[in-house]
N, C-alpha and C. Protein backbone atom coordinates (compact mmCIF):
# COMPACT_ATOMS: atom_id res chain seq x y z
N MET A 1 -9.46 6.38 -53.57
CA MET A 1 -9.99 5.49 -53.07
C MET A 1 -9.93 4.01 -53.08
N THR A 2 -9.51 3.47 -51.56
CA THR A 2 -9.56 1.78 -51.25
C THR A 2 -11.08 1.63 -51.20
N LYS A 3 -11.53 0.27 -51.80
CA LYS A 3 -12.66 -0.04 -51.47
C LYS A 3 -12.42 -1.39 -51.18
N VAL A 4 -13.01 -1.55 -49.56
CA VAL A 4 -12.63 -3.23 -49.19
C VAL A 4 -13.85 -4.01 -48.62
N LEU A 5 -14.17 -5.17 -49.13
CA LEU A 5 -15.08 -5.69 -48.92
C LEU A 5 -15.37 -6.89 -47.99
N MET A 6 -16.14 -6.88 -47.05
CA MET A 6 -15.60 -8.09 -45.88
C MET A 6 -17.03 -9.26 -46.46
N VAL A 7 -16.89 -10.28 -46.37
CA VAL A 7 -17.70 -11.34 -47.25
C VAL A 7 -17.94 -12.62 -45.90
N CYS A 8 -19.38 -12.95 -45.16
CA CYS A 8 -19.43 -14.13 -44.78
C CYS A 8 -20.54 -14.99 -45.22
N LEU A 9 -21.03 -16.04 -44.65
CA LEU A 9 -21.89 -16.44 -45.24
C LEU A 9 -23.45 -16.12 -45.11
N GLY A 10 -23.91 -15.41 -44.79
CA GLY A 10 -25.31 -14.95 -44.63
C GLY A 10 -25.33 -12.95 -44.39
N ASN A 11 -24.25 -12.81 -44.02
CA ASN A 11 -24.24 -11.35 -44.16
C ASN A 11 -25.20 -10.63 -42.81
N ILE A 12 -25.31 -11.57 -42.40
CA ILE A 12 -25.81 -10.80 -41.00
C ILE A 12 -25.40 -11.11 -39.68
N CYS A 13 -24.29 -11.62 -39.58
CA CYS A 13 -23.41 -11.45 -37.86
C CYS A 13 -22.05 -11.58 -38.23
N ARG A 14 -20.99 -11.96 -38.62
CA ARG A 14 -19.60 -11.77 -38.73
C ARG A 14 -19.00 -10.47 -40.12
N SER A 15 -19.77 -10.43 -40.92
CA SER A 15 -19.06 -9.27 -42.17
C SER A 15 -19.77 -8.29 -42.03
N PRO A 16 -21.11 -8.38 -41.19
CA PRO A 16 -21.97 -6.72 -40.91
C PRO A 16 -20.81 -6.00 -39.78
N LEU A 17 -20.35 -6.97 -38.40
CA LEU A 17 -19.60 -6.68 -37.35
C LEU A 17 -17.97 -6.14 -38.47
N ALA A 18 -17.77 -7.05 -39.05
CA ALA A 18 -16.68 -6.65 -39.76
C ALA A 18 -16.25 -5.27 -40.04
N GLU A 19 -17.58 -4.76 -41.09
CA GLU A 19 -18.05 -3.60 -42.03
C GLU A 19 -17.42 -2.82 -41.15
N GLY A 20 -18.76 -3.06 -39.95
CA GLY A 20 -18.61 -1.36 -38.81
C GLY A 20 -17.17 -1.58 -38.26
N ILE A 21 -16.65 -2.36 -37.48
CA ILE A 21 -15.42 -2.21 -37.15
C ILE A 21 -14.64 -1.54 -38.13
N LEU A 22 -14.41 -2.22 -39.37
CA LEU A 22 -13.31 -1.91 -39.89
C LEU A 22 -13.69 0.13 -40.43
N ARG A 23 -14.98 0.27 -40.48
CA ARG A 23 -15.39 1.44 -40.79
C ARG A 23 -14.91 2.67 -39.60
N SER A 24 -14.86 1.98 -38.39
CA SER A 24 -14.64 2.73 -37.25
C SER A 24 -13.21 3.52 -37.29
N LYS A 25 -12.41 2.57 -37.81
CA LYS A 25 -11.02 2.44 -38.00
C LYS A 25 -10.07 3.19 -38.97
N VAL A 26 -10.97 3.28 -39.45
CA VAL A 26 -10.40 4.72 -41.54
C VAL A 26 -10.94 5.41 -41.39
N ASP A 27 -10.70 6.40 -41.99
CA ASP A 27 -10.79 7.57 -42.86
C ASP A 27 -12.03 7.22 -43.75
N SER A 28 -13.30 7.64 -43.74
CA SER A 28 -14.07 7.58 -44.78
C SER A 28 -14.61 7.96 -45.86
N HIS A 29 -12.90 9.27 -46.40
CA HIS A 29 -12.86 9.93 -46.84
C HIS A 29 -11.65 8.94 -48.29
N LEU A 30 -11.13 8.06 -47.42
CA LEU A 30 -10.35 7.28 -48.01
C LEU A 30 -10.61 5.70 -48.32
N VAL A 31 -11.15 5.57 -47.45
CA VAL A 31 -11.46 3.64 -47.86
C VAL A 31 -13.12 3.87 -47.25
N ASP A 32 -13.38 3.03 -48.25
CA ASP A 32 -14.83 2.62 -48.56
C ASP A 32 -15.02 0.93 -48.01
N VAL A 33 -16.03 0.96 -47.02
CA VAL A 33 -16.19 -0.61 -46.44
C VAL A 33 -17.35 -1.05 -46.71
N ASP A 34 -17.67 -2.30 -47.16
CA ASP A 34 -19.09 -2.88 -47.19
C ASP A 34 -18.75 -4.10 -46.94
N SER A 35 -19.99 -4.97 -47.03
CA SER A 35 -20.12 -6.64 -46.33
C SER A 35 -21.35 -7.32 -47.37
N ALA A 36 -21.05 -8.60 -47.66
CA ALA A 36 -21.58 -9.25 -48.55
C ALA A 36 -21.65 -10.65 -47.72
N GLY A 37 -22.49 -11.71 -48.25
CA GLY A 37 -22.39 -13.05 -48.02
C GLY A 37 -22.39 -13.99 -49.08
N THR A 38 -21.79 -15.00 -48.93
CA THR A 38 -21.80 -15.95 -50.18
C THR A 38 -23.07 -16.28 -50.89
N ALA A 39 -23.84 -16.86 -49.63
CA ALA A 39 -25.37 -17.28 -49.72
C ALA A 39 -26.32 -16.24 -49.80
N GLY A 40 -27.61 -16.28 -50.05
CA GLY A 40 -28.67 -15.19 -50.49
C GLY A 40 -29.52 -15.19 -49.39
N TYR A 41 -29.73 -15.91 -48.31
CA TYR A 41 -30.39 -16.76 -47.21
C TYR A 41 -31.35 -14.93 -46.99
N HIS A 42 -30.69 -14.06 -46.59
CA HIS A 42 -31.07 -12.84 -45.53
C HIS A 42 -30.99 -11.39 -46.47
N ILE A 43 -30.91 -11.75 -48.06
CA ILE A 43 -30.69 -10.78 -48.77
C ILE A 43 -32.30 -9.30 -48.23
N GLY A 44 -31.56 -8.18 -48.06
CA GLY A 44 -32.36 -7.17 -47.61
C GLY A 44 -32.88 -7.23 -46.19
N ASN A 45 -32.32 -7.94 -45.52
CA ASN A 45 -32.49 -8.00 -43.89
C ASN A 45 -31.89 -7.00 -43.18
N SER A 46 -31.61 -6.75 -41.81
CA SER A 46 -30.89 -6.24 -40.93
C SER A 46 -29.67 -7.34 -40.45
N PRO A 47 -28.92 -7.17 -39.93
CA PRO A 47 -28.03 -7.43 -39.18
C PRO A 47 -28.50 -8.56 -37.91
N ASP A 48 -27.89 -9.84 -37.93
CA ASP A 48 -28.44 -10.31 -36.65
C ASP A 48 -28.49 -9.43 -35.41
N PRO A 49 -30.00 -9.47 -34.70
CA PRO A 49 -29.54 -8.56 -33.16
C PRO A 49 -29.02 -8.82 -32.44
N ARG A 50 -28.14 -9.58 -32.37
CA ARG A 50 -26.78 -9.95 -31.20
C ARG A 50 -25.73 -9.30 -31.86
N SER A 51 -25.65 -9.42 -32.97
CA SER A 51 -24.26 -8.66 -33.93
C SER A 51 -24.44 -6.83 -33.67
N VAL A 52 -25.80 -6.61 -33.68
CA VAL A 52 -25.63 -5.00 -33.45
C VAL A 52 -26.01 -5.03 -32.18
N ALA A 53 -26.44 -5.59 -31.38
CA ALA A 53 -25.47 -5.27 -29.47
C ALA A 53 -24.40 -5.32 -29.66
N VAL A 54 -23.68 -6.43 -29.68
CA VAL A 54 -22.41 -6.32 -29.27
C VAL A 54 -21.71 -5.25 -30.01
N ALA A 55 -22.05 -4.84 -31.40
CA ALA A 55 -21.31 -3.58 -32.15
C ALA A 55 -21.66 -2.50 -30.90
N ARG A 56 -22.51 -2.12 -30.96
CA ARG A 56 -23.20 -1.07 -29.85
C ARG A 56 -22.52 -0.64 -28.67
N LYS A 57 -22.30 -2.13 -27.92
CA LYS A 57 -21.76 -2.20 -26.58
C LYS A 57 -20.53 -1.24 -26.80
N TYR A 58 -19.79 -1.46 -27.76
CA TYR A 58 -18.17 -0.65 -28.41
C TYR A 58 -18.79 0.18 -29.05
N GLY A 59 -19.80 1.02 -29.30
CA GLY A 59 -19.77 2.06 -29.57
C GLY A 59 -19.64 2.39 -31.19
N ILE A 60 -20.27 1.12 -32.00
CA ILE A 60 -20.47 0.91 -33.30
C ILE A 60 -21.75 0.68 -33.68
N ASP A 61 -22.96 1.51 -34.64
CA ASP A 61 -23.96 1.26 -34.94
C ASP A 61 -23.83 0.22 -36.28
N ILE A 62 -24.58 -0.62 -36.43
CA ILE A 62 -24.53 -1.80 -37.89
C ILE A 62 -25.71 -1.40 -38.48
N SER A 63 -26.72 -0.81 -37.15
CA SER A 63 -28.41 -1.46 -37.37
C SER A 63 -28.59 -1.08 -38.78
N THR A 64 -28.23 -0.23 -39.46
CA THR A 64 -28.68 0.42 -40.28
C THR A 64 -28.36 -0.26 -41.77
N GLN A 65 -27.35 -1.50 -41.69
CA GLN A 65 -26.73 -2.27 -42.89
C GLN A 65 -27.93 -2.81 -43.53
N ILE A 66 -27.68 -3.41 -44.55
CA ILE A 66 -28.58 -3.94 -45.42
C ILE A 66 -28.14 -5.72 -45.76
N CYS A 67 -28.41 -6.73 -45.70
CA CYS A 67 -27.71 -7.86 -45.73
C CYS A 67 -27.66 -7.81 -47.44
N ARG A 68 -26.72 -8.46 -48.36
CA ARG A 68 -26.77 -8.40 -49.60
C ARG A 68 -25.81 -10.17 -49.75
N LYS A 69 -25.82 -10.13 -51.39
CA LYS A 69 -24.92 -11.20 -51.45
C LYS A 69 -23.71 -10.93 -52.35
N PHE A 70 -23.06 -11.37 -52.35
CA PHE A 70 -21.53 -11.26 -53.09
C PHE A 70 -22.16 -11.63 -54.52
N VAL A 71 -21.33 -11.19 -55.37
CA VAL A 71 -21.81 -10.87 -56.71
C VAL A 71 -20.19 -11.18 -57.70
N PRO A 72 -20.02 -11.73 -58.80
CA PRO A 72 -18.96 -11.44 -59.03
C PRO A 72 -18.55 -10.32 -59.66
N GLU A 73 -19.44 -9.30 -60.05
CA GLU A 73 -19.02 -8.10 -60.14
C GLU A 73 -18.50 -7.38 -59.23
N ASP A 74 -18.44 -7.96 -57.62
CA ASP A 74 -17.70 -7.25 -56.41
C ASP A 74 -15.94 -7.44 -57.02
N PHE A 75 -15.58 -8.58 -57.65
CA PHE A 75 -14.39 -8.68 -57.97
C PHE A 75 -13.95 -7.13 -58.18
N SER A 76 -14.50 -7.10 -59.28
CA SER A 76 -14.14 -5.09 -60.04
C SER A 76 -14.40 -4.09 -59.36
N ARG A 77 -15.53 -4.25 -58.41
CA ARG A 77 -15.46 -3.17 -57.37
C ARG A 77 -14.78 -2.51 -55.92
N TYR A 78 -14.11 -3.69 -55.54
CA TYR A 78 -13.08 -3.64 -54.58
C TYR A 78 -11.69 -3.92 -55.00
N ASP A 79 -11.33 -3.43 -53.97
CA ASP A 79 -9.75 -3.38 -54.19
C ASP A 79 -8.54 -4.63 -53.51
N ARG A 80 -9.86 -4.61 -52.33
CA ARG A 80 -9.37 -6.07 -51.33
C ARG A 80 -10.95 -7.20 -51.02
N ILE A 81 -10.70 -8.12 -50.78
CA ILE A 81 -12.38 -8.66 -50.39
C ILE A 81 -11.41 -9.86 -49.07
N TYR A 82 -12.06 -9.69 -47.86
CA TYR A 82 -12.09 -10.65 -46.77
C TYR A 82 -12.52 -11.08 -46.62
N ALA A 83 -12.77 -12.83 -46.63
CA ALA A 83 -13.40 -13.61 -46.23
C ALA A 83 -13.63 -14.49 -44.88
N MET A 84 -14.71 -14.28 -44.05
CA MET A 84 -14.56 -14.54 -42.71
C MET A 84 -13.90 -16.27 -42.29
N ASP A 85 -13.96 -16.93 -43.27
CA ASP A 85 -13.88 -18.65 -42.95
C ASP A 85 -13.47 -19.62 -44.64
N LEU A 86 -12.41 -20.42 -44.48
CA LEU A 86 -12.32 -21.15 -45.68
C LEU A 86 -13.26 -21.77 -46.36
N ASN A 87 -14.65 -22.06 -46.37
CA ASN A 87 -15.14 -22.27 -46.81
C ASN A 87 -16.13 -20.91 -47.57
N ASN A 88 -16.25 -19.79 -46.85
CA ASN A 88 -16.71 -18.65 -47.65
C ASN A 88 -15.77 -17.89 -48.72
N TYR A 89 -13.71 -18.45 -48.32
CA TYR A 89 -13.15 -17.93 -49.24
C TYR A 89 -13.47 -18.96 -50.32
N LYS A 90 -13.01 -20.19 -50.49
CA LYS A 90 -13.52 -21.19 -51.45
C LYS A 90 -14.96 -20.40 -52.42
N ASP A 91 -16.17 -20.07 -51.95
CA ASP A 91 -16.93 -20.09 -52.55
C ASP A 91 -16.21 -18.52 -53.38
N ILE A 92 -15.67 -17.71 -52.56
CA ILE A 92 -15.71 -16.44 -53.06
C ILE A 92 -14.65 -17.05 -54.59
N ILE A 93 -14.07 -17.41 -54.42
CA ILE A 93 -12.58 -18.05 -55.18
C ILE A 93 -12.85 -18.63 -56.97
N VAL A 94 -13.93 -19.59 -56.28
CA VAL A 94 -14.50 -19.85 -57.65
C VAL A 94 -15.48 -19.57 -58.60
N GLN A 95 -15.51 -18.04 -58.19
CA GLN A 95 -17.02 -17.31 -58.94
C GLN A 95 -15.75 -16.33 -60.42
N THR A 96 -14.73 -16.86 -60.01
CA THR A 96 -13.64 -15.97 -61.05
C THR A 96 -12.35 -16.90 -61.44
N ASN A 97 -12.54 -16.73 -62.54
CA ASN A 97 -10.84 -17.49 -63.49
C ASN A 97 -10.00 -16.41 -63.36
N ASP A 98 -10.02 -14.62 -62.99
CA ASP A 98 -9.31 -14.20 -63.23
C ASP A 98 -8.19 -13.86 -61.70
N SER A 99 -6.56 -14.16 -62.11
CA SER A 99 -5.86 -14.58 -61.46
C SER A 99 -5.67 -13.37 -60.04
N ASN A 100 -5.84 -11.94 -61.56
CA ASN A 100 -5.76 -10.82 -60.61
C ASN A 100 -7.23 -10.63 -59.32
N HIS A 101 -8.00 -11.23 -59.86
CA HIS A 101 -9.24 -10.91 -58.94
C HIS A 101 -9.22 -12.16 -57.99
N GLN A 102 -8.63 -13.29 -58.13
CA GLN A 102 -8.51 -14.26 -57.11
C GLN A 102 -7.34 -13.32 -55.71
N LYS A 103 -6.69 -13.04 -56.74
CA LYS A 103 -5.26 -12.00 -55.42
C LYS A 103 -6.24 -11.17 -54.73
N LYS A 104 -7.17 -10.66 -54.80
CA LYS A 104 -7.78 -9.69 -54.14
C LYS A 104 -8.39 -10.41 -52.89
N VAL A 105 -8.96 -11.72 -52.75
CA VAL A 105 -9.26 -12.23 -51.70
C VAL A 105 -8.42 -12.86 -50.74
N LYS A 106 -8.78 -12.12 -49.19
CA LYS A 106 -7.65 -13.20 -48.45
C LYS A 106 -8.76 -13.69 -47.30
N LEU A 107 -8.19 -14.20 -46.66
CA LEU A 107 -8.83 -14.56 -45.11
C LEU A 107 -8.75 -13.37 -44.24
N LEU A 108 -9.30 -13.21 -43.72
CA LEU A 108 -9.52 -12.07 -42.68
C LEU A 108 -8.71 -12.13 -41.56
N LEU A 109 -8.36 -13.43 -40.76
CA LEU A 109 -8.02 -13.70 -39.56
C LEU A 109 -5.95 -14.17 -40.24
N ASP A 110 -6.07 -14.08 -41.60
CA ASP A 110 -4.36 -14.05 -41.78
C ASP A 110 -3.59 -12.78 -41.93
N THR A 111 -4.45 -11.59 -41.36
CA THR A 111 -3.69 -10.15 -40.96
C THR A 111 -3.31 -10.12 -40.11
N VAL A 112 -4.06 -11.31 -39.10
CA VAL A 112 -3.19 -11.21 -37.37
C VAL A 112 -2.64 -13.13 -36.95
N SER A 113 -2.16 -12.84 -35.78
CA SER A 113 -1.66 -14.00 -35.23
C SER A 113 -2.38 -14.20 -34.16
N VAL A 114 -3.32 -15.10 -34.38
CA VAL A 114 -4.57 -14.92 -33.04
C VAL A 114 -4.27 -16.68 -32.83
N GLY A 115 -3.92 -17.09 -33.63
CA GLY A 115 -4.19 -18.77 -33.48
C GLY A 115 -4.93 -20.01 -33.80
N ILE A 116 -5.74 -19.13 -34.47
CA ILE A 116 -6.67 -19.44 -35.76
C ILE A 116 -6.54 -18.92 -37.02
N ASN A 117 -7.30 -19.03 -38.09
CA ASN A 117 -7.36 -18.51 -39.53
C ASN A 117 -8.57 -18.43 -39.94
N GLU A 118 -9.54 -19.14 -38.83
CA GLU A 118 -11.25 -18.87 -39.42
C GLU A 118 -11.80 -18.00 -38.16
N VAL A 119 -12.96 -17.03 -38.89
CA VAL A 119 -13.23 -16.50 -37.94
C VAL A 119 -14.78 -17.49 -37.09
N PRO A 120 -14.88 -18.23 -36.25
CA PRO A 120 -16.04 -18.73 -36.28
C PRO A 120 -17.27 -18.09 -35.79
N ASP A 121 -18.28 -18.98 -37.18
CA ASP A 121 -19.66 -18.19 -36.95
C ASP A 121 -20.70 -18.44 -35.69
N PRO A 122 -21.35 -17.24 -35.26
CA PRO A 122 -21.36 -17.33 -33.87
C PRO A 122 -23.10 -17.50 -33.80
N TYR A 123 -23.56 -17.82 -34.88
CA TYR A 123 -25.10 -17.90 -35.30
C TYR A 123 -25.73 -18.69 -34.75
N TYR A 124 -25.00 -19.96 -34.56
CA TYR A 124 -26.44 -20.60 -33.19
C TYR A 124 -25.73 -20.72 -32.02
N GLY A 125 -24.54 -19.70 -30.94
CA GLY A 125 -24.04 -19.79 -30.09
C GLY A 125 -25.13 -18.72 -29.29
N GLY A 126 -24.49 -18.34 -28.11
CA GLY A 126 -24.92 -17.78 -27.35
C GLY A 126 -24.66 -16.29 -27.70
N THR A 127 -24.69 -15.45 -26.78
CA THR A 127 -23.84 -13.86 -26.96
C THR A 127 -22.63 -13.89 -27.08
N ASN A 128 -21.79 -15.16 -26.12
CA ASN A 128 -20.08 -14.96 -26.05
C ASN A 128 -19.71 -15.09 -27.03
N GLY A 129 -20.35 -16.07 -28.04
CA GLY A 129 -19.60 -15.92 -29.16
C GLY A 129 -19.68 -14.98 -29.93
N PHE A 130 -20.60 -13.95 -30.14
CA PHE A 130 -20.69 -12.99 -30.31
C PHE A 130 -19.66 -11.91 -30.33
N GLU A 131 -19.26 -11.90 -28.79
CA GLU A 131 -18.31 -11.21 -28.02
C GLU A 131 -17.04 -11.44 -28.55
N LYS A 132 -16.65 -13.04 -28.84
CA LYS A 132 -15.54 -13.64 -28.97
C LYS A 132 -14.89 -12.95 -30.55
N VAL A 133 -15.85 -13.27 -30.88
CA VAL A 133 -16.26 -12.94 -32.68
C VAL A 133 -15.66 -11.30 -32.98
N PHE A 134 -16.11 -10.19 -32.21
CA PHE A 134 -16.28 -9.11 -32.27
C PHE A 134 -14.37 -9.07 -32.00
N HIS A 135 -14.12 -9.53 -30.97
CA HIS A 135 -13.07 -9.40 -30.80
C HIS A 135 -11.65 -9.81 -31.39
N LEU A 136 -12.26 -10.61 -32.08
CA LEU A 136 -11.52 -11.54 -33.32
C LEU A 136 -11.27 -10.53 -34.28
N ILE A 137 -12.59 -10.34 -35.16
CA ILE A 137 -12.10 -9.23 -36.25
C ILE A 137 -11.70 -7.82 -36.21
N SER A 138 -11.82 -7.19 -34.87
CA SER A 138 -11.54 -6.10 -34.43
C SER A 138 -9.93 -5.92 -34.69
N GLN A 139 -9.19 -7.32 -33.78
CA GLN A 139 -7.98 -7.16 -33.98
C GLN A 139 -7.73 -7.26 -35.49
N ALA A 140 -8.20 -7.85 -36.39
CA ALA A 140 -7.80 -8.38 -37.72
C ALA A 140 -8.03 -6.43 -38.67
N CYS A 141 -9.66 -6.08 -37.71
CA CYS A 141 -9.09 -4.49 -38.44
C CYS A 141 -8.22 -3.49 -37.86
N ASP A 142 -7.52 -3.65 -37.23
CA ASP A 142 -6.59 -2.81 -36.37
C ASP A 142 -5.36 -2.55 -37.46
N THR A 143 -4.91 -4.03 -37.79
CA THR A 143 -4.19 -4.54 -38.67
C THR A 143 -4.59 -4.04 -40.17
N ILE A 144 -5.62 -4.21 -40.60
CA ILE A 144 -6.27 -3.85 -41.77
C ILE A 144 -6.10 -2.27 -41.84
N ALA A 145 -6.66 -1.69 -41.03
CA ALA A 145 -6.25 -0.24 -40.93
C ALA A 145 -4.91 0.49 -41.04
N GLN A 146 -3.99 -0.18 -40.18
CA GLN A 146 -2.83 0.14 -39.95
C GLN A 146 -2.24 0.43 -41.44
N ASN A 147 -2.47 -0.85 -42.21
CA ASN A 147 -1.94 -1.18 -43.10
C ASN A 147 -2.62 -0.13 -44.28
N LEU A 148 -3.39 0.49 -44.38
CA LEU A 148 -4.19 1.04 -45.42
C LEU A 148 -3.85 2.41 -45.31
N LYS A 149 -3.45 2.82 -44.26
CA LYS A 149 -2.70 4.09 -43.82
C LYS A 149 -1.35 4.31 -44.54
N GLN A 150 -0.55 3.17 -44.32
CA GLN A 150 1.06 3.45 -44.64
C GLN A 150 0.37 2.88 -46.47
């Protein structure tokens, strides 16, 4: 089984969407998907209601996810780790000196050509930001799902 971890700052907006979207595109018997945040602001909380709403709009239920913080042990638990932006990428990388662990970490949007390499944080924006983020993440997850099937 391939284990994939999606990571953003608080684990309430982008990474829960990424977890839910990728789960909807892969065989759960072959791929396990989880999410975490580099900061512990929202540990134990549900995803942001705006993320839940936009996911639900596209037939994905992320309402039961529980926010957690990225921990160094995640390097051993997961085969692939996708950061939503460069700050989170750096916050993950500095938690290990093991080059094999560092190679597991990629920027999510580096998997697709969408003109940007960071998923913008929609937290302080309106619902349109969540819609845009959903589609960016979905494009990246299409590519990841295809790569996992090969």
